[in-house]
């Protein structure tokens, strides 16, 4: 088997990830390209993969019933959402009251 590249879809297990690998093939009858997705369980020794990461998988000996791949490298990290810092007062009413106070003082 040759190495494959896919996207991590689950990392809820310890030292294991589920990777979705897409492949395209040509359908001769309809003369169209068809996309198929295969999901593989892979061993992640460092446990550093997150959902959305693009990873390269190498085949290895069977590590468990479903794990026959190992994460060779993380090609691209997923962009993580970082919420903006909240104001001291929370809630929409506090924000409108704060705006009204600044308008009246100005």
Protein backbone atom coordinates (compact mmCIF):
# COMPACT_ATOMS: atom_id res chain seq x y z
CA UNK A 1 0.00 0.00 0.00
CA UNK A 2 1.14 3.53 -0.60
CA UNK A 3 0.90 6.54 1.73
CA UNK A 4 -2.39 8.46 1.64
CA UNK A 5 -3.36 12.02 2.59
CA UNK A 6 -6.59 12.90 4.38
CA UNK A 7 -8.39 15.13 6.87
CA UNK A 8 -8.77 14.23 10.58
CA UNK A 9 -12.49 13.88 11.40
CA UNK A 10 -12.25 12.51 14.96
CA UNK A 11 -9.62 12.58 17.70
CA UNK A 12 -11.69 11.51 20.71
CA UNK A 13 -9.61 8.40 21.33
CA UNK A 14 -6.27 8.20 23.08
CA UNK A 15 -3.41 8.06 20.54
CA UNK A 16 -5.85 7.32 17.72
CA UNK A 17 -7.49 9.43 15.04
CA UNK A 18 -10.04 8.82 12.29
CA UNK A 19 -8.95 10.20 8.92
CA UNK A 20 -11.21 10.70 5.89
CA UNK A 21 -9.39 10.07 2.60
CA UNK A 22 -11.03 11.25 -0.64
CA UNK A 23 -10.33 9.69 -4.01
CA UNK A 24 -11.55 10.53 -7.49
CA UNK A 25 -12.13 8.03 -10.25
CA UNK A 26 -13.56 8.30 -13.72
CA UNK A 27 -16.89 6.65 -14.46
CA UNK A 28 -16.72 5.51 -18.08
CA UNK A 29 -20.49 5.11 -18.52
CA UNK A 30 -21.40 8.63 -17.42
CA UNK A 31 -18.07 10.24 -18.38
CA UNK A 32 -17.89 11.99 -15.00
CA UNK A 33 -15.49 11.98 -12.09
CA UNK A 34 -16.89 10.44 -8.91
CA UNK A 35 -15.61 11.22 -5.41
CA UNK A 36 -15.52 8.46 -2.82
CA UNK A 37 -14.48 8.85 0.81
CA UNK A 38 -12.83 6.17 2.93
CA UNK A 39 -12.36 6.54 6.68
CA UNK A 40 -9.27 4.99 8.26
CA UNK A 41 -8.26 4.71 11.90
CA UNK A 42 -4.64 5.70 12.43
CA UNK A 43 -2.18 5.65 15.32
CA UNK A 44 -1.07 9.08 16.55
CA UNK A 45 1.72 8.45 19.06
CA UNK A 46 2.22 12.10 20.05
CA UNK A 47 -1.56 12.65 20.27
CA UNK A 48 -1.18 16.09 18.66
CA UNK A 49 -3.66 15.86 15.75
CA UNK A 50 -6.83 17.97 15.89
CA UNK A 51 -10.02 17.85 13.86
CA UNK A 52 -9.48 19.47 10.47
CA UNK A 53 -5.73 18.78 10.26
CA UNK A 54 -4.43 17.50 6.93
CA UNK A 55 -2.23 14.46 7.64
CA UNK A 56 -0.18 11.90 5.75
CA UNK A 57 -0.74 8.24 6.69
CA UNK A 58 1.74 5.42 6.22
CA UNK A 59 0.72 1.76 6.27
CA UNK A 60 2.00 -0.37 9.14
CA UNK A 61 1.41 -3.72 10.77
CA UNK A 62 -2.02 -4.20 12.37
CA UNK A 63 -2.04 -2.35 15.69
CA UNK A 64 -5.60 -3.34 16.61
CA UNK A 65 -8.74 -4.67 14.96
CA UNK A 66 -9.24 -1.51 12.89
CA UNK A 67 -5.90 0.36 13.06
CA UNK A 68 -3.51 -0.43 10.20
CA UNK A 69 -2.16 3.07 9.55
CA UNK A 70 0.17 5.43 11.40
CA UNK A 71 0.29 9.24 11.17
CA UNK A 72 3.55 10.04 9.38
CA UNK A 73 3.30 13.83 9.51
CA UNK A 74 0.87 16.71 9.88
CA UNK A 75 0.89 18.55 6.56
CA UNK A 76 -1.36 21.46 7.54
CA UNK A 77 -2.85 22.47 10.88
CA UNK A 78 -6.51 23.41 11.12
CA UNK A 79 -7.32 27.02 11.90
CA UNK A 80 -8.71 27.18 15.41
CA UNK A 81 -11.38 29.75 16.31
CA UNK A 82 -10.34 32.08 19.11
CA UNK A 83 -13.22 34.17 20.50
CA UNK A 84 -12.51 37.89 20.95
CA UNK A 85 -11.89 39.07 24.50
CA UNK A 86 -15.12 39.89 26.33
CA UNK A 87 -15.80 43.30 27.90
CA UNK A 88 -15.86 43.65 31.70
CA UNK A 89 -19.68 43.75 31.76
CA UNK A 90 -21.36 40.81 30.10
CA UNK A 91 -24.63 40.54 28.23
CA UNK A 92 -26.36 42.66 25.58
CA UNK A 93 -28.06 44.97 28.11
CA UNK A 94 -24.73 45.85 29.71
CA UNK A 95 -23.27 46.66 26.29
CA UNK A 96 -26.18 48.99 25.39
CA UNK A 97 -26.02 50.65 28.80
CA UNK A 98 -22.29 51.17 28.30
CA UNK A 99 -22.89 52.74 24.86
CA UNK A 100 -25.61 55.01 26.28
CA UNK A 101 -23.26 56.16 29.06
CA UNK A 102 -20.53 57.07 26.58
CA UNK A 103 -23.01 58.99 24.36
CA UNK A 104 -24.41 61.01 27.29
CA UNK A 105 -20.95 61.95 28.58
CA UNK A 106 -19.75 63.03 25.12
